[in-house]
Amino acid sequence: MENSGYAAVMADVFKRPVYLVPFHDEEENPHVRFRNDFIEILTAGQQWKPVAAAFRYVTQKPWSRIPLYTATKIYNPVVACLAGGRNKLIASKAYDSYNKEIKKHGLKIRTPETIRDVTKDKIPHWVKHFGGQAVIKVPYSNAGQGVFTIVNETELKAFMDMDFEYARFIVQSLIGNYLWSSKTSAGKFFHLGTIPDTKGETYVFDLRMMICATPKGFQADQHLFTARRKTFEQCTASR
């Protein structure tokens, strides 16, 4: 849905055809090929069309089907993924490293309590460590794939019965509803707005601000904050 939206908007703005091409992992993908280092796609008229430039939304192991170097200009190149992009294991280590650097300034990026390099047989131990509620992630994935929320023994057993190509996992504290969030050394963290109302309906909200550095110090982008606040108020009013 997201990719098709991007393609549609670009076609409207550029006034030119924009091709949305599926390129799935572990499939033949006969509509895509590489010739003279260019990506070529098979159009509806059964003609091969060289691609001068492409926005890559292939995120699941893109190196398995897209070469590292291509004559086609690829925005968000594959090397970004090979360097650690979308790698949850490396991201966790990067947060820890950065937090050590900024600790002297009294700053910290809050993240779920994270246990790295966990073999599958040790996962039940760490889920129990978090009070029976936890999040298990494969090292490399995105868009919600490879993420498993565990809140009871049934879900844990279902996970343990699955086969994975990864030998090590990430186990994190679960930040969700107050009634099923993990217990950590720093206490219990939970999302606001997730308590069911009298009708049993649950809603969440997302509040974001753009923080920028100025000669006068850090400041929030008031225009962005106001726009998002109005959107949130409109959504709650409509409910």
Protein backbone atom coordinates (compact mmCIF):
# COMPACT_ATOMS: atom_id res chain seq x y z
CA MET A 1 0.00 0.00 0.00
CA GLU A 2 2.78 2.42 0.95
CA ASN A 3 4.79 1.74 -2.21
CA SER A 4 1.80 2.10 -4.51
CA GLY A 5 1.04 5.45 -2.88
CA TYR A 6 4.57 6.69 -3.55
CA ALA A 7 4.38 5.54 -7.17
CA ALA A 8 1.02 7.23 -7.72
CA VAL A 9 2.17 10.55 -6.27
CA MET A 10 5.38 10.56 -8.32
CA ALA A 11 3.41 9.82 -11.49
CA ASP A 12 1.08 12.74 -10.74
CA VAL A 13 3.93 15.15 -10.00
CA PHE A 14 6.29 14.11 -12.80
CA LYS A 15 3.50 13.64 -15.37
CA ARG A 16 5.27 10.46 -16.49
CA PRO A 17 4.64 6.74 -16.06
CA VAL A 18 6.07 5.31 -12.84
CA TYR A 19 6.33 1.54 -12.70
CA LEU A 20 5.60 -0.31 -9.47
CA VAL A 21 7.46 -3.60 -9.81
CA PRO A 22 7.23 -6.48 -7.30
CA PHE A 23 10.54 -8.23 -6.68
CA HIS A 24 10.01 -10.89 -4.02
CA ASP A 25 12.59 -12.99 -2.25
CA GLU A 26 12.88 -16.70 -3.16
CA GLU A 27 10.67 -16.28 -6.23
CA GLU A 28 11.55 -16.44 -9.94
CA ASN A 29 10.44 -12.86 -10.73
CA PRO A 30 10.43 -13.39 -14.53
CA HIS A 31 9.42 -9.76 -15.08
CA VAL A 32 12.80 -8.44 -13.86
CA ARG A 33 16.26 -9.08 -15.29
CA PHE A 34 19.74 -7.52 -15.46
CA ARG A 35 21.39 -6.70 -18.80
CA ASN A 36 24.66 -4.77 -19.14
CA ASP A 37 24.37 -3.87 -15.44
CA PHE A 38 20.98 -2.22 -15.99
CA ILE A 39 17.75 -3.35 -14.36
CA GLU A 40 15.21 -4.19 -17.06
CA ILE A 41 11.49 -4.71 -16.44
CA LEU A 42 8.93 -6.46 -18.61
CA THR A 43 6.13 -4.02 -19.44
CA ALA A 44 2.48 -4.83 -20.07
CA GLY A 45 3.29 -4.84 -23.80
CA GLN A 46 5.79 -7.66 -23.22
CA GLN A 47 8.70 -5.35 -24.01
CA TRP A 48 11.87 -5.18 -21.92
CA LYS A 49 12.45 -1.65 -20.66
CA PRO A 50 15.84 -0.55 -19.23
CA VAL A 51 15.49 1.36 -15.96
CA ALA A 52 17.57 4.51 -15.58
CA ALA A 53 16.71 5.09 -11.91
CA ALA A 54 14.68 3.34 -9.24
CA PHE A 55 13.55 3.83 -5.67
CA ARG A 56 14.29 0.60 -3.85
CA TYR A 57 11.64 -0.69 -1.48
CA VAL A 58 12.99 -4.22 -1.66
CA THR A 59 13.89 -4.67 1.99
CA GLN A 60 14.02 -8.40 2.67
CA LYS A 61 17.59 -9.47 1.86
CA PRO A 62 17.85 -7.20 -1.21
CA TRP A 63 21.39 -8.45 -1.91
CA SER A 64 19.91 -11.83 -2.85
CA ARG A 65 18.56 -10.39 -6.11
CA ILE A 66 20.00 -6.91 -6.62
CA PRO A 67 23.75 -6.58 -7.35
CA LEU A 68 25.81 -4.28 -5.19
CA TYR A 69 26.79 -2.17 -8.20
CA THR A 70 24.38 -1.41 -11.07
CA ALA A 71 24.24 0.98 -13.99
CA THR A 72 20.69 1.75 -12.91
CA LYS A 73 20.80 4.51 -10.32
CA ILE A 74 19.24 3.00 -7.21
CA TYR A 75 18.19 5.34 -4.43
CA ASN A 76 18.77 3.72 -1.04
CA PRO A 77 21.47 1.45 -2.49
CA VAL A 78 21.95 -2.14 -1.37
CA VAL A 79 25.24 -1.23 0.31
CA ALA A 80 23.19 0.63 2.95
CA CYS A 81 21.63 -2.66 4.02
CA LEU A 82 24.93 -4.52 3.92
CA ALA A 83 26.37 -1.81 6.17
CA GLY A 84 23.72 -2.47 8.80
CA GLY A 85 20.55 -0.74 7.64
CA ARG A 86 17.45 -2.52 9.00
CA ASN A 87 19.73 -4.71 11.07
CA LYS A 88 18.11 -4.69 14.50
CA LEU A 89 21.16 -6.21 16.15
CA ILE A 90 23.48 -3.48 14.90
CA ALA A 91 20.87 -0.81 15.67
CA SER A 92 20.70 -1.95 19.29
CA LYS A 93 24.48 -1.77 19.62
CA ALA A 94 24.47 1.67 17.97
CA TYR A 95 21.94 3.00 20.51
CA ASP A 96 24.04 1.70 23.40
CA SER A 97 27.20 3.23 21.97
CA TYR A 98 25.56 6.59 21.35
CA ASN A 99 23.97 6.67 24.81
CA LYS A 100 27.42 6.21 26.33
CA GLU A 101 28.67 9.22 24.37
CA ILE A 102 25.83 11.55 25.41
CA LYS A 103 25.52 10.36 29.01
CA LYS A 104 27.92 13.11 30.16
CA HIS A 105 25.40 15.68 28.86
CA GLY A 106 22.56 14.19 30.86
CA LEU A 107 20.87 12.84 27.72
CA LYS A 108 19.67 9.39 26.82
CA ILE A 109 17.64 7.76 24.06
CA ARG A 110 15.15 5.49 25.80
CA THR A 111 14.89 2.05 24.26
CA PRO A 112 13.31 -1.20 25.42
CA GLU A 113 15.60 -3.32 27.57
CA THR A 114 17.38 -5.45 25.01
CA ILE A 115 19.15 -8.81 25.22
CA ARG A 116 21.23 -9.52 22.12
CA ASP A 117 22.69 -12.64 20.51
CA VAL A 118 20.17 -14.97 22.13
CA THR A 119 20.12 -18.56 20.86
CA LYS A 120 16.67 -20.02 20.37
CA ASP A 121 16.92 -22.43 23.28
CA LYS A 122 17.60 -19.51 25.67
CA ILE A 123 14.59 -17.48 24.58
CA PRO A 124 12.13 -18.96 27.16
CA HIS A 125 14.55 -17.95 29.92
CA TRP A 126 14.61 -14.32 28.82
CA VAL A 127 10.84 -14.19 28.27
CA LYS A 128 10.46 -15.39 31.86
CA HIS A 129 13.02 -12.75 32.90
CA PHE A 130 10.68 -10.07 31.52
CA GLY A 131 7.70 -11.45 33.44
CA GLY A 132 6.29 -13.60 30.66
CA GLN A 133 5.78 -10.73 28.21
CA ALA A 134 8.46 -9.91 25.65
CA VAL A 135 9.20 -9.14 22.01
CA ILE A 136 11.38 -11.49 19.97
CA LYS A 137 12.99 -10.22 16.77
CA VAL A 138 15.04 -11.81 14.05
CA PRO A 139 18.25 -9.79 13.48
CA TYR A 140 17.41 -8.54 10.01
CA SER A 141 13.95 -7.44 8.93
CA ASN A 142 11.63 -4.44 8.81
CA ALA A 143 8.03 -3.28 8.40
CA GLY A 144 6.87 -5.47 11.26
CA GLN A 145 8.18 -8.68 9.72
CA GLY A 146 10.23 -11.01 11.87
CA VAL A 147 8.77 -9.50 15.05
CA PHE A 148 6.94 -11.72 17.52
CA THR A 149 5.01 -10.39 20.51
CA ILE A 150 4.79 -12.88 23.35
CA VAL A 151 2.24 -12.35 26.13
CA ASN A 152 1.48 -15.92 27.21
CA GLU A 153 2.78 -19.49 27.14
CA THR A 154 0.71 -20.39 24.07
CA GLU A 155 2.37 -17.70 21.97
CA LEU A 156 5.79 -18.66 23.27
CA LYS A 157 5.24 -22.32 22.37
CA ALA A 158 4.02 -21.34 18.89
CA PHE A 159 7.22 -19.36 18.38
CA MET A 160 9.45 -22.17 19.62
CA ASP A 161 7.77 -24.59 17.21
CA MET A 162 8.71 -22.44 14.21
CA ASP A 163 11.84 -22.92 12.09
CA PHE A 164 14.17 -19.98 11.41
CA GLU A 165 17.21 -19.43 9.24
CA TYR A 166 18.76 -17.30 11.98
CA ALA A 167 20.75 -18.83 14.82
CA ARG A 168 20.56 -15.84 17.16
CA PHE A 169 17.75 -13.48 18.08
CA ILE A 170 17.01 -10.27 19.96
CA VAL A 171 14.73 -10.36 23.00
CA GLN A 172 13.29 -7.05 24.22
CA SER A 173 10.97 -5.90 26.94
CA LEU A 174 7.43 -5.42 25.68
CA ILE A 175 6.01 -1.91 25.84
CA GLY A 176 2.28 -2.19 25.29
CA ASN A 177 -0.89 -2.09 27.37
CA TYR A 178 -0.33 -1.60 31.10
CA LEU A 179 -1.74 -5.08 31.80
CA TRP A 180 0.68 -6.84 29.45
CA SER A 181 3.92 -4.89 29.46
CA SER A 182 7.22 -6.33 30.60
CA LYS A 183 8.72 -5.79 34.01
CA THR A 184 12.24 -4.41 33.65
CA SER A 185 14.99 -3.20 35.93
CA ALA A 186 13.86 0.37 35.15
CA GLY A 187 10.21 -0.35 35.92
CA LYS A 188 7.20 -0.90 33.66
CA PHE A 189 6.73 1.21 30.54
CA PHE A 190 3.45 1.24 28.62
CA HIS A 191 1.72 3.17 25.85
CA LEU A 192 -0.75 5.92 26.64
CA GLY A 193 -4.20 5.74 25.14
CA THR A 194 -4.37 1.94 25.05
CA ILE A 195 -6.86 1.47 27.89
CA PRO A 196 -10.21 0.19 26.51
CA ASP A 197 -13.17 2.52 26.92
CA THR A 198 -16.60 1.54 28.26
CA LYS A 199 -17.42 -0.01 24.89
CA GLY A 200 -14.29 -2.17 24.94
CA GLU A 201 -12.70 -0.17 22.11
CA THR A 202 -8.99 0.63 22.22
CA TYR A 203 -7.32 3.61 20.53
CA VAL A 204 -3.71 4.76 20.27
CA PHE A 205 -2.22 8.08 19.34
CA ASP A 206 1.09 9.12 17.89
CA LEU A 207 2.63 12.44 18.88
CA ARG A 208 5.86 13.56 17.21
CA MET A 209 7.92 16.74 17.27
CA MET A 210 10.83 17.88 15.16
CA ILE A 211 13.68 19.06 17.39
CA CYS A 212 16.32 21.32 15.85
CA ALA A 213 19.51 22.92 17.17
CA THR A 214 19.72 26.72 17.10
CA PRO A 215 22.16 29.30 18.49
CA LYS A 216 19.66 29.65 21.37
CA GLY A 217 19.59 25.94 22.06
CA PHE A 218 17.30 23.08 21.09
CA GLN A 219 13.82 24.07 19.95
CA ALA A 220 10.76 22.19 18.79
CA ASP A 221 9.23 22.85 15.38
CA GLN A 222 6.02 24.52 16.52
CA HIS A 223 4.43 24.36 13.06
CA LEU A 224 4.82 20.60 12.88
CA PHE A 225 3.62 20.17 16.45
CA THR A 226 0.52 22.32 15.85
CA ALA A 227 -0.35 20.47 12.63
CA ARG A 228 -0.07 17.07 14.28
CA ARG A 229 -2.03 18.24 17.32
CA LYS A 230 -4.86 19.47 15.10
CA THR A 231 -4.89 16.15 13.27
CA PHE A 232 -5.08 14.26 16.57
CA GLU A 233 -7.89 16.51 17.85
CA GLN A 234 -9.85 15.99 14.64
CA CYS A 235 -9.44 12.22 14.91
CA THR A 236 -10.58 12.10 18.53
CA ALA A 237 -13.49 14.44 17.80
CA SER A 238 -14.66 12.20 14.94
CA ARG A 239 -14.68 9.21 17.30
